[in-house]
Each structure stands twice: as structure tokens, then as C-alpha cells.
C-alpha atoms as a PDB file:
ATOM      1  CA  MET A   1       0.058  -0.192   0.042  1.00  0.00           C
ATOM      2  CA  ILE A   2       1.021   3.357  -0.935  1.00  0.00           C
ATOM      3  CA  VAL A   3      -0.400   6.722   0.334  1.00  0.00           C
ATOM      4  CA  GLN A   4       1.056  10.003  -0.868  1.00  0.00           C
ATOM      5  CA  ASN A   5       0.861  13.683  -1.330  1.00  0.00           C
ATOM      6  CA  ASN A   6       3.072  16.560  -1.988  1.00  0.00           C
ATOM      7  CA  GLN A   7       4.931  16.375   1.415  1.00  0.00           C
ATOM      8  CA  GLY A   8       5.724  12.806   1.264  1.00  0.00           C
ATOM      9  CA  LEU A   9       4.237   9.211   1.389  1.00  0.00           C
ATOM     10  CA  ILE A  10       3.940   6.185   3.346  1.00  0.00           C
ATOM     11  CA  LEU A  11       4.682   2.617   2.126  1.00  0.00           C
ATOM     12  CA  MET A  12       3.413  -0.562   3.888  1.00  0.00           C
ATOM     13  CA  ARG A  13       3.739  -4.079   2.359  1.00  0.00           C
ATOM     14  CA  THR A  14       4.347  -7.568   3.499  1.00  0.00           C
ATOM     15  CA  THR A  15       6.107  -8.563   0.095  1.00  0.00           C
ATOM     16  CA  GLN A  16       9.381  -7.950  -1.529  1.00  0.00           C
ATOM     17  CA  LEU A  17      10.964  -8.138   1.932  1.00  0.00           C
ATOM     18  CA  GLY A  18      14.417  -9.576   0.797  1.00  0.00           C
ATOM     19  CA  GLU A  19      17.349  -8.185  -1.089  1.00  0.00           C
ATOM     20  CA  ARG A  20      16.415  -4.971  -3.248  1.00  0.00           C
ATOM     21  CA  ASN A  21      18.733  -2.963  -5.553  1.00  0.00           C
ATOM     22  CA  TRP A  22      20.825   0.045  -4.613  1.00  0.00           C
ATOM     23  CA  ARG A  23      18.977   3.258  -4.503  1.00  0.00           C
ATOM     24  CA  ASN A  24      19.011   6.884  -3.421  1.00  0.00           C
ATOM     25  CA  ASP A  25      16.236   9.350  -3.069  1.00  0.00           C
ATOM     26  CA  SER A  26      15.578  12.936  -3.347  1.00  0.00           C
ATOM     27  CA  SER A  27      13.592  12.741   0.070  1.00  0.00           C
ATOM     28  CA  TYR A  28      14.279  12.008   3.531  1.00  0.00           C
ATOM     29  CA  LYS A  29      13.186   8.202   4.301  1.00  0.00           C
ATOM     30  CA  MET A  30      12.196   7.181   7.764  1.00  0.00           C
ATOM     31  CA  ILE A  31      12.394   3.382   8.151  1.00  0.00           C
ATOM     32  CA  PHE A  32      10.475   1.978  11.149  1.00  0.00           C
ATOM     33  CA  SER A  33      10.739  -1.903  11.988  1.00  0.00           C
ATOM     34  CA  PRO A  34       7.284  -2.718  13.389  1.00  0.00           C
ATOM     35  CA  SER A  35       7.829  -6.455  13.838  1.00  0.00           C
ATOM     36  CA  GLY A  36      11.094  -8.373  13.815  1.00  0.00           C
ATOM     37  CA  LYS A  37      14.316  -6.714  12.499  1.00  0.00           C
ATOM     38  CA  SER A  38      15.305  -5.038   9.405  1.00  0.00           C
ATOM     39  CA  ARG A  39      18.852  -4.930   7.609  1.00  0.00           C
ATOM     40  CA  TYR A  40      19.987  -2.069   5.172  1.00  0.00           C
ATOM     41  CA  GLN A  41      23.457  -1.731   3.558  1.00  0.00           C
ATOM     42  CA  THR A  42      25.254   1.625   2.969  1.00  0.00           C
ATOM     43  CA  LYS A  43      28.744   2.319   1.635  1.00  0.00           C
ATOM     44  CA  TYR A  44      29.832   2.608   5.131  1.00  0.00           C
ATOM     45  CA  GLY A  45      28.622  -0.587   6.413  1.00  0.00           C
ATOM     46  CA  ASP A  46      25.514  -2.484   7.196  1.00  0.00           C
ATOM     47  CA  ILE A  47      22.730  -1.115   9.552  1.00  0.00           C
ATOM     48  CA  LYS A  48      20.489  -3.362  11.616  1.00  0.00           C
ATOM     49  CA  ILE A  49      17.087  -1.784  12.882  1.00  0.00           C
ATOM     50  CA  ASP A  50      15.654  -3.656  15.725  1.00  0.00           C
ATOM     51  CA  GLU A  51      11.927  -4.267  16.221  1.00  0.00           C
ATOM     52  CA  SER A  52      10.275  -0.680  17.017  1.00  0.00           C
ATOM     53  CA  ALA A  53      13.448   1.149  16.129  1.00  0.00           C
ATOM     54  CA  PHE A  54      13.843   3.544  13.473  1.00  0.00           C
ATOM     55  CA  LEU A  55      16.252   4.919  10.991  1.00  0.00           C
ATOM     56  CA  VAL A  56      16.262   7.758   8.782  1.00  0.00           C
ATOM     57  CA  PHE A  57      18.218   8.143   5.340  1.00  0.00           C
ATOM     58  CA  ASN A  58      19.104  11.632   4.215  1.00  0.00           C
ATOM     59  CA  PRO A  59      18.401  12.752   0.653  1.00  0.00           C
ATOM     60  CA  GLY A  60      20.819  11.256  -1.772  1.00  0.00           C
ATOM     61  CA  GLU A  61      22.161   8.578   0.615  1.00  0.00           C
ATOM     62  CA  ASP A  62      23.127   5.356  -1.372  1.00  0.00           C
ATOM     63  CA  HIS A  63      21.481   2.363   0.317  1.00  0.00           C
ATOM     64  CA  ARG A  64      19.786  -0.979  -0.219  1.00  0.00           C
ATOM     65  CA  GLN A  65      17.417  -3.120   1.671  1.00  0.00           C
ATOM     66  CA  LEU A  66      18.855  -6.539   2.590  1.00  0.00           C
ATOM     67  CA  SER A  67      16.262  -8.016   4.644  1.00  0.00           C
ATOM     68  CA  VAL A  68      12.857  -7.020   6.237  1.00  0.00           C
ATOM     69  CA  SER A  69      11.037  -9.272   8.750  1.00  0.00           C
ATOM     70  CA  ASN A  70       7.230  -9.618   8.237  1.00  0.00           C
ATOM     71  CA  GLU A  71       6.477  -5.972   7.338  1.00  0.00           C
ATOM     72  CA  LYS A  72       8.027  -3.051   5.692  1.00  0.00           C
ATOM     73  CA  PHE A  73       6.812   0.468   6.829  1.00  0.00           C
ATOM     74  CA  LEU A  74       8.659   3.668   5.693  1.00  0.00           C
ATOM     75  CA  VAL A  75       7.768   7.446   5.264  1.00  0.00           C
ATOM     76  CA  GLU A  76       9.220   9.727   2.843  1.00  0.00           C
ATOM     77  CA  LEU A  77       9.450  13.361   3.673  1.00  0.00           C
ATOM     78  CA  SER A  78      10.126  16.041   1.344  1.00  0.00           C
ATOM     79  CA  PRO A  79      13.028  18.420   2.187  1.00  0.00           C
ATOM     80  CA  ASP A  80      10.911  21.502   1.631  1.00  0.00           C
ATOM     81  CA  LEU A  81       8.633  20.231   4.514  1.00  0.00           C
ATOM     82  CA  ILE A  82      11.711  19.711   6.642  1.00  0.00           C
ATOM     83  CA  PHE A  83      12.774  23.256   5.987  1.00  0.00           C
ATOM     84  CA  GLN A  84       9.258  24.839   6.433  1.00  0.00           C
ATOM     85  CA  THR A  85       8.962  23.041   9.795  1.00  0.00           C
ATOM     86  CA  LEU A  86      12.111  24.307  10.826  1.00  0.00           C
ATOM     87  CA  ASN A  87      11.302  27.897   9.946  1.00  0.00           C
ATOM     88  CA  ALA A  88       7.939  27.543  11.993  1.00  0.00           C
ATOM     89  CA  LEU A  89       9.928  26.337  14.844  1.00  0.00           C
ATOM     90  CA  GLY A  90      12.283  29.613  14.583  1.00  0.00           C
ATOM     91  CA  LYS A  91      15.273  27.348  13.582  1.00  0.00           C
ATOM     92  CA  SER A  92      17.441  27.838  10.769  1.00  0.00           C
ATOM     93  CA  TYR A  93      20.517  26.045   9.276  1.00  0.00           C
ATOM     94  CA  LYS A  94      22.845  26.840   6.383  1.00  0.00           C
ATOM     95  CA  ILE A  95      22.100  23.254   4.842  1.00  0.00           C
ATOM     96  CA  ASP A  96      19.329  20.882   5.537  1.00  0.00           C
ATOM     97  CA  PRO A  97      19.786  18.707   8.733  1.00  0.00           C
ATOM     98  CA  GLN A  98      21.485  15.552   8.105  1.00  0.00           C
ATOM     99  CA  PHE A  99      20.284  12.724  10.363  1.00  0.00           C
ATOM    100  CA  ALA A 100      22.765  10.343  11.822  1.00  0.00           C
ATOM    101  CA  MET A 101      22.716   6.982  10.011  1.00  0.00           C
ATOM    102  CA  VAL A 102      22.170   5.113  13.240  1.00  0.00           C
ATOM    103  CA  SER A 103      19.013   3.022  14.355  1.00  0.00           C
ATOM    104  CA  SER A 104      17.430   4.162  17.712  1.00  0.00           C
ATOM    105  CA  TYR A 105      14.303   3.830  19.741  1.00  0.00           C
ATOM    106  CA  ASN A 106      11.611   6.491  20.471  1.00  0.00           C
ATOM    107  CA  GLN A 107       8.346   6.086  22.055  1.00  0.00           C
ATOM    108  CA  TYR A 108       6.818   8.876  20.033  1.00  0.00           C
ATOM    109  CA  VAL A 109       7.882   7.546  16.751  1.00  0.00           C
ATOM    110  CA  GLN A 110       6.573   4.283  17.752  1.00  0.00           C
ATOM    111  CA  LYS A 111       3.133   5.427  18.840  1.00  0.00           C
ATOM    112  CA  TRP A 112       3.068   7.683  15.745  1.00  0.00           C
ATOM    113  CA  ALA A 113       3.901   4.668  13.252  1.00  0.00           C
ATOM    114  CA  ASN A 114       1.717   2.149  14.970  1.00  0.00           C
ATOM    115  CA  PHE A 115      -1.392   4.550  14.923  1.00  0.00           C
ATOM    116  CA  LEU A 116      -0.636   5.093  11.115  1.00  0.00           C
ATOM    117  CA  ARG A 117      -0.331   1.285  10.469  1.00  0.00           C
ATOM    118  CA  GLU A 118      -3.676   0.606  12.287  1.00  0.00           C
ATOM    119  CA  PHE A 119      -5.546   3.383  10.472  1.00  0.00           C
ATOM    120  CA  MET A 120      -4.161   2.640   7.001  1.00  0.00           C
ATOM    121  CA  GLN A 121      -5.294  -1.108   7.325  1.00  0.00           C
ATOM    122  CA  GLU A 122      -8.819  -0.087   7.942  1.00  0.00           C
ATOM    123  CA  GLU A 123     -11.320  -0.060   5.117  1.00  0.00           C
ATOM    124  CA  ASP A 124     -11.295   3.707   4.701  1.00  0.00           C
ATOM    125  CA  THR A 125     -11.233   5.548   1.414  1.00  0.00           C
ATOM    126  CA  GLN A 126      -8.208   6.688  -0.280  1.00  0.00           C
ATOM    127  CA  LEU A 127      -9.120  10.204   0.362  1.00  0.00           C
ATOM    128  CA  GLU A 128      -9.411   9.550   4.181  1.00  0.00           C
ATOM    129  CA  LYS A 129      -6.033   8.142   4.016  1.00  0.00           C
ATOM    130  CA  GLU A 130      -4.472  11.005   2.062  1.00  0.00           C
ATOM    131  CA  LEU A 131      -6.161  13.458   4.604  1.00  0.00           C
ATOM    132  CA  LEU A 132      -4.987  11.782   7.521  1.00  0.00           C
ATOM    133  CA  LEU A 133      -1.379  11.433   6.101  1.00  0.00           C
ATOM    134  CA  GLU A 134      -1.612  15.464   5.255  1.00  0.00           C
ATOM    135  CA  HIS A 135      -2.377  16.401   8.738  1.00  0.00           C
ATOM    136  CA  SER A 136       0.031  13.807  10.556  1.00  0.00           C
ATOM    137  CA  ILE A 137       3.108  14.052   8.585  1.00  0.00           C
ATOM    138  CA  VAL A 138       4.180  17.309  10.124  1.00  0.00           C
ATOM    139  CA  GLN A 139       3.934  15.547  13.571  1.00  0.00           C
ATOM    140  CA  LEU A 140       6.401  13.043  12.511  1.00  0.00           C
ATOM    141  CA  VAL A 141       8.579  15.914  11.221  1.00  0.00           C
ATOM    142  CA  ILE A 142       8.501  17.813  14.600  1.00  0.00           C
ATOM    143  CA  ILE A 143       9.315  14.242  16.482  1.00  0.00           C
ATOM    144  CA  LEU A 144      12.145  13.691  14.249  1.00  0.00           C
ATOM    145  CA  LEU A 145      13.737  17.126  14.633  1.00  0.00           C
ATOM    146  CA  LYS A 146      13.303  16.961  18.379  1.00  0.00           C
ATOM    147  CA  TYR A 147      14.690  13.462  18.861  1.00  0.00           C
ATOM    148  CA  GLY A 148      16.256  12.221  15.919  1.00  0.00           C
ATOM    149  CA  LEU A 149      20.077  12.010  16.168  1.00  0.00           C
ATOM    150  CA  GLY A 150      21.829  14.386  13.695  1.00  0.00           C
ATOM    151  CA  SER A 151      23.363  17.639  12.791  1.00  0.00           C
ATOM    152  CA  HIS A 152      20.539  19.637  14.287  1.00  0.00           C
ATOM    153  CA  GLN A 153      21.191  18.181  17.784  1.00  0.00           C
ATOM    154  CA  THR A 154      23.449  19.456  20.364  1.00  0.00           C
ATOM    155  CA  THR A 155      22.447  16.654  22.940  1.00  0.00           C
ATOM    156  CA  PHE A 156      20.233  13.683  23.256  1.00  0.00           C
ATOM    157  CA  PRO A 157      16.850  14.250  24.910  1.00  0.00           C
ATOM    158  CA  THR A 158      16.067  11.711  27.464  1.00  0.00           C
ATOM    159  CA  LEU A 159      12.458  10.291  27.054  1.00  0.00           C
ATOM    160  CA  PRO A 160      10.032  10.397  29.833  1.00  0.00           C
ATOM    161  CA  SER A 161       9.413   6.609  30.022  1.00  0.00           C
ATOM    162  CA  THR A 162      13.116   6.174  30.660  1.00  0.00           C
ATOM    163  CA  LYS A 163      13.591   4.312  33.874  1.00  0.00           C
ATOM    164  CA  GLU A 164      15.369   6.064  36.854  1.00  0.00           C
ATOM    165  CA  ASN A 165      18.252   3.855  37.023  1.00  0.00           C
ATOM    166  CA  VAL A 166      19.218   4.141  33.341  1.00  0.00           C
ATOM    167  CA  ARG A 167      18.253   7.792  33.340  1.00  0.00           C
ATOM    168  CA  SER A 168      20.783   8.258  36.115  1.00  0.00           C
ATOM    169  CA  VAL A 169      23.638   6.529  33.857  1.00  0.00           C
ATOM    170  CA  ILE A 170      22.661   8.676  31.014  1.00  0.00           C
ATOM    171  CA  SER A 171      22.982  11.768  33.061  1.00  0.00           C
ATOM    172  CA  HIS A 172      26.454  10.736  34.400  1.00  0.00           C
ATOM    173  CA  LEU A 173      27.580   9.927  30.767  1.00  0.00           C
ATOM    174  CA  LYS A 174      26.267  13.297  29.565  1.00  0.00           C
ATOM    175  CA  GLU A 175      28.307  14.956  32.147  1.00  0.00           C
ATOM    176  CA  GLY A 176      31.510  12.850  31.769  1.00  0.00           C
ATOM    177  CA  TYR A 177      31.379  11.832  28.167  1.00  0.00           C
ATOM    178  CA  HIS A 178      34.902  12.916  27.417  1.00  0.00           C
ATOM    179  CA  GLU A 179      36.096  10.455  30.167  1.00  0.00           C
ATOM    180  CA  SER A 180      37.057   6.793  29.755  1.00  0.00           C
ATOM    181  CA  TRP A 181      33.951   4.669  30.326  1.00  0.00           C
ATOM    182  CA  SER A 182      33.612   0.878  30.577  1.00  0.00           C
ATOM    183  CA  LEU A 183      30.333  -1.203  30.543  1.00  0.00           C
ATOM    184  CA  GLU A 184      31.280  -2.462  34.197  1.00  0.00           C
ATOM    185  CA  ASP A 185      31.508   1.339  35.141  1.00  0.00           C
ATOM    186  CA  MET A 186      28.069   2.091  33.760  1.00  0.00           C
ATOM    187  CA  ALA A 187      26.438  -1.107  35.280  1.00  0.00           C
ATOM    188  CA  THR A 188      27.666  -0.222  38.775  1.00  0.00           C
ATOM    189  CA  LEU A 189      26.131   3.168  38.664  1.00  0.00           C
ATOM    190  CA  SER A 190      22.838   1.460  37.838  1.00  0.00           C
ATOM    191  CA  GLY A 191      22.886  -0.953  40.267  1.00  0.00           C
ATOM    192  CA  MET A 192      22.428  -3.800  37.895  1.00  0.00           C
ATOM    193  CA  ASN A 193      24.792  -6.578  36.487  1.00  0.00           C
ATOM    194  CA  LYS A 194      26.388  -5.847  33.030  1.00  0.00           C
ATOM    195  CA  TYR A 195      23.801  -8.167  31.175  1.00  0.00           C
ATOM    196  CA  GLN A 196      20.766  -6.538  32.859  1.00  0.00           C
ATOM    197  CA  PHE A 197      22.006  -3.006  32.379  1.00  0.00           C
ATOM    198  CA  SER A 198      22.771  -3.659  28.629  1.00  0.00           C
ATOM    199  CA  HIS A 199      19.288  -4.909  28.125  1.00  0.00           C
ATOM    200  CA  GLU A 200      17.650  -2.035  29.852  1.00  0.00           C
ATOM    201  CA  PHE A 201      19.676   0.603  28.209  1.00  0.00           C
ATOM    202  CA  LYS A 202      19.040  -0.789  24.840  1.00  0.00           C
ATOM    203  CA  SER A 203      15.461  -1.145  25.451  1.00  0.00           C
ATOM    204  CA  ALA A 204      15.262   2.613  26.355  1.00  0.00           C
ATOM    205  CA  THR A 205      17.469   3.952  23.635  1.00  0.00           C
ATOM    206  CA  GLY A 206      17.766   1.348  20.975  1.00  0.00           C
ATOM    207  CA  LEU A 207      21.525   1.613  21.288  1.00  0.00           C
ATOM    208  CA  ALA A 208      23.960  -0.421  23.230  1.00  0.00           C
ATOM    209  CA  PRO A 209      25.479   1.555  25.995  1.00  0.00           C
ATOM    210  CA  TYR A 210      29.067   2.161  24.412  1.00  0.00           C
ATOM    211  CA  SER A 211      27.389   2.897  21.114  1.00  0.00           C
ATOM    212  CA  TRP A 212      25.087   5.447  22.558  1.00  0.00           C
ATOM    213  CA  LEU A 213      28.402   6.976  24.287  1.00  0.00           C
ATOM    214  CA  GLN A 214      30.251   7.050  21.020  1.00  0.00           C
ATOM    215  CA  VAL A 215      27.311   8.540  19.277  1.00  0.00           C
ATOM    216  CA  TYR A 216      26.684  11.193  21.933  1.00  0.00           C
ATOM    217  CA  ARG A 217      30.575  12.171  21.571  1.00  0.00           C
ATOM    218  CA  ILE A 218      29.942  12.830  17.828  1.00  0.00           C
ATOM    219  CA  ILE A 219      26.965  14.908  18.572  1.00  0.00           C
ATOM    220  CA  LYS A 220      28.723  16.935  21.208  1.00  0.00           C
ATOM    221  CA  SER A 221      31.699  17.475  18.903  1.00  0.00           C
ATOM    222  CA  GLN A 222      29.843  19.025  16.040  1.00  0.00           C
ATOM    223  CA  HIS A 223      29.518  22.582  17.730  1.00  0.00           C
ATOM    224  CA  ASP A 224      33.374  22.836  18.018  1.00  0.00           C
ATOM    225  CA  LEU A 225      33.845  21.510  14.532  1.00  0.00           C
ATOM    226  CA  VAL A 226      31.415  24.086  13.010  1.00  0.00           C
ATOM    227  CA  ASN A 227      32.117  27.044  15.251  1.00  0.00           C
ATOM    228  CA  THR A 228      36.050  26.936  16.207  1.00  0.00           C
ATOM    229  CA  ASP A 229      39.180  26.400  14.201  1.00  0.00           C
ATOM    230  CA  GLU A 230      40.354  24.035  16.662  1.00  0.00           C
ATOM    231  CA  PRO A 231      42.245  21.017  14.935  1.00  0.00           C
ATOM    232  CA  ILE A 232      40.330  17.861  14.417  1.00  0.00           C
ATOM    233  CA  LEU A 233      42.780  15.816  16.280  1.00  0.00           C
ATOM    234  CA  GLN A 234      42.281  18.195  19.304  1.00  0.00           C
ATOM    235  CA  ILE A 235      38.236  18.096  18.868  1.00  0.00           C
ATOM    236  CA  ALA A 236      38.648  14.273  18.806  1.00  0.00           C
ATOM    237  CA  LEU A 237      40.659  13.930  22.022  1.00  0.00           C
ATOM    238  CA  GLN A 238      38.547  16.472  23.870  1.00  0.00           C
ATOM    239  CA  HIS A 239      35.496  14.710  23.248  1.00  0.00           C
ATOM    240  CA  GLY A 240      36.539  11.238  24.529  1.00  0.00           C
ATOM    241  CA  PHE A 241      37.776   9.476  21.379  1.00  0.00           C
ATOM    242  CA  SER A 242      40.998   7.551  21.765  1.00  0.00           C
ATOM    243  CA  SER A 243      42.491   8.756  18.369  1.00  0.00           C
ATOM    244  CA  VAL A 244      41.665  10.929  15.528  1.00  0.00           C
ATOM    245  CA  SER A 245      41.188   7.955  13.400  1.00  0.00           C
ATOM    246  CA  ALA A 246      38.573   6.283  15.475  1.00  0.00           C
ATOM    247  CA  TYR A 247      36.667   9.720  15.606  1.00  0.00           C
ATOM    248  CA  ASN A 248      36.941   9.984  11.751  1.00  0.00           C
ATOM    249  CA  VAL A 249      35.747   6.534  10.876  1.00  0.00           C
ATOM    250  CA  LEU A 250      32.708   6.776  13.137  1.00  0.00           C
ATOM    251  CA  PHE A 251      31.750  10.187  11.756  1.00  0.00           C
ATOM    252  CA  LYS A 252      32.112   9.267   8.191  1.00  0.00           C
ATOM    253  CA  LYS A 253      29.876   6.214   9.200  1.00  0.00           C
ATOM    254  CA  LEU A 254      27.187   8.435  10.614  1.00  0.00           C
ATOM    255  CA  TYR A 255      27.273  11.164   8.162  1.00  0.00           C
ATOM    256  CA  GLY A 256      28.727   9.856   5.081  1.00  0.00           C
ATOM    257  CA  ARG A 257      31.602  12.592   4.939  1.00  0.00           C
ATOM    258  CA  THR A 258      34.627  13.207   6.882  1.00  0.00           C
ATOM    259  CA  PRO A 259      34.669  15.830   9.809  1.00  0.00           C
ATOM    260  CA  SER A 260      36.614  18.169   7.507  1.00  0.00           C
ATOM    261  CA  VAL A 261      34.031  17.935   4.762  1.00  0.00           C
ATOM    262  CA  TYR A 262      31.230  18.423   7.378  1.00  0.00           C
ATOM    263  CA  ARG A 263      33.139  21.582   8.805  1.00  0.00           C
ATOM    264  CA  ASN A 264      33.130  23.144   5.410  1.00  0.00           C
ATOM    265  CA  GLN A 265      29.615  22.373   4.480  1.00  0.00           C
ATOM    266  CA  PHE A 266      27.887  23.650   7.765  1.00  0.00           C
ATOM    267  CA  ARG A 267      29.957  26.763   8.225  1.00  0.00           C
END
């Protein structure tokens, strides 16, 4: 099923869930995994989307579907809609926001997607579905701009549903992200063993604890990258990376460009 308007489209299907050809699109593409796991390939590695998690591809990003479990659900969003929503929110950027190519969990994205899935499966007219899409798609854009990881962020908002012991660890990680952390350090703070903590943390964020920390370090580094002339080596080390090589590799995996290219584009 495809429902579309000039702002974007929703695609839902339970067929063609195996490997597909490479493609890139002129729109943003939000992929939500409602049941089971999905896997996609980019030039910088494979990305797994766990059940109830989501991923956003930026316009022009080369990618291909490797596998989808049970059902495919995606939403394409026009760059104009993103731009208009940013203006309405009183925000502006030199270039359109770039979402980080990493899957994550958000309760609001999950609720939005599940409501749309249920409604679209009802025996309603095409006009009703198009009207619903028209009036709900901006909601998704606002959620993604507030909670989606990317160039528009300076931190990670913590979801209200996050359990207190995980919330406490996240607070400590945010304060000390430039320091060295082990999984055992994080688990000790939470009062759980390493396995329980890892499970609870990923359930809350969609990311493993150390992956979350590394992505957070990238997000925090973006300000200095764009607004200072500090050497990239210095920025990498100040933000908790063991080497500039590790920083460059993760940055390119998330954004499809090196920190130096990102710096030039966003200034």
C-alpha cells in the first residue's frame, strides 16, 4: 500500500522483503521496523534496525534493503517540509539537517507509526487516508527534529519513559562523556549487572551503552567542529575519542562524510 501527497508518502507492504537494488532518493526516508528486525546496507557498512526502532536516510544517500522481517513500513519526507517546519519552529541552518545513519528507539515515533499502520489497514477511502497523512506527517517531522540524532542536535533528549536507574547513568554519561567508560562502570552506577543493564539501556534508547556514548560524543563535537578553528585531532581527543582515526571512521559512518567536509559544509 502506498499513500502519498506533495509532502511525502507512506509505504506499507508484506512482500518484497528480501534483497533489493541500490537506490538513493531526493527525500528523507524514515524506516520503522514494526515486527522483527530489518537490515540495510550503505557504503559505510550494514545497519540493523531492531523491532520498534527506526532509521532515517538523508536525501541522496546510497542504500539498499538486505532483509525485512514480516512487514515494511517507511515514510518519505520532502526536504521542503523539513525546511518549512524548521522555519515555523524558529530554527535555521545553512544546509538541511543531516540525520545520523544509526537506528534508535523513540516511544513517540513508535506510537505515531503504529497508529498510522492501524488506520491505513482499515477499510477507509483513499481520500480519508490521504487527509490523515496530510495532517499527521508534520507531527512526525517535529518528533524527528526533536529526538532524531543528527546535525541539528546538541544533546540527546531523554525520554520520559526511561527508567530512573538508566536515566541516572545517562545523566552521568552526558556530564562525563569525554572521560573513559567501561560497561562495568555504567552497570555499577545503575545497580544492575552488566547483562541486565545492557538490556535495559538498549530497550530505552535502541542503542547499546557504548554505542550510545560514542554517538553522543560525535553529537557534542559538532559545535566545536563548525564554530571553532580547533584542529580535528584536538576536537576528537577533547570529546573522548582515543584517536583521530577512531573519530573520523565513526563520523563518516554516521554522516557519510569526513569531519573536515562536514565542517566546510555547515559553516
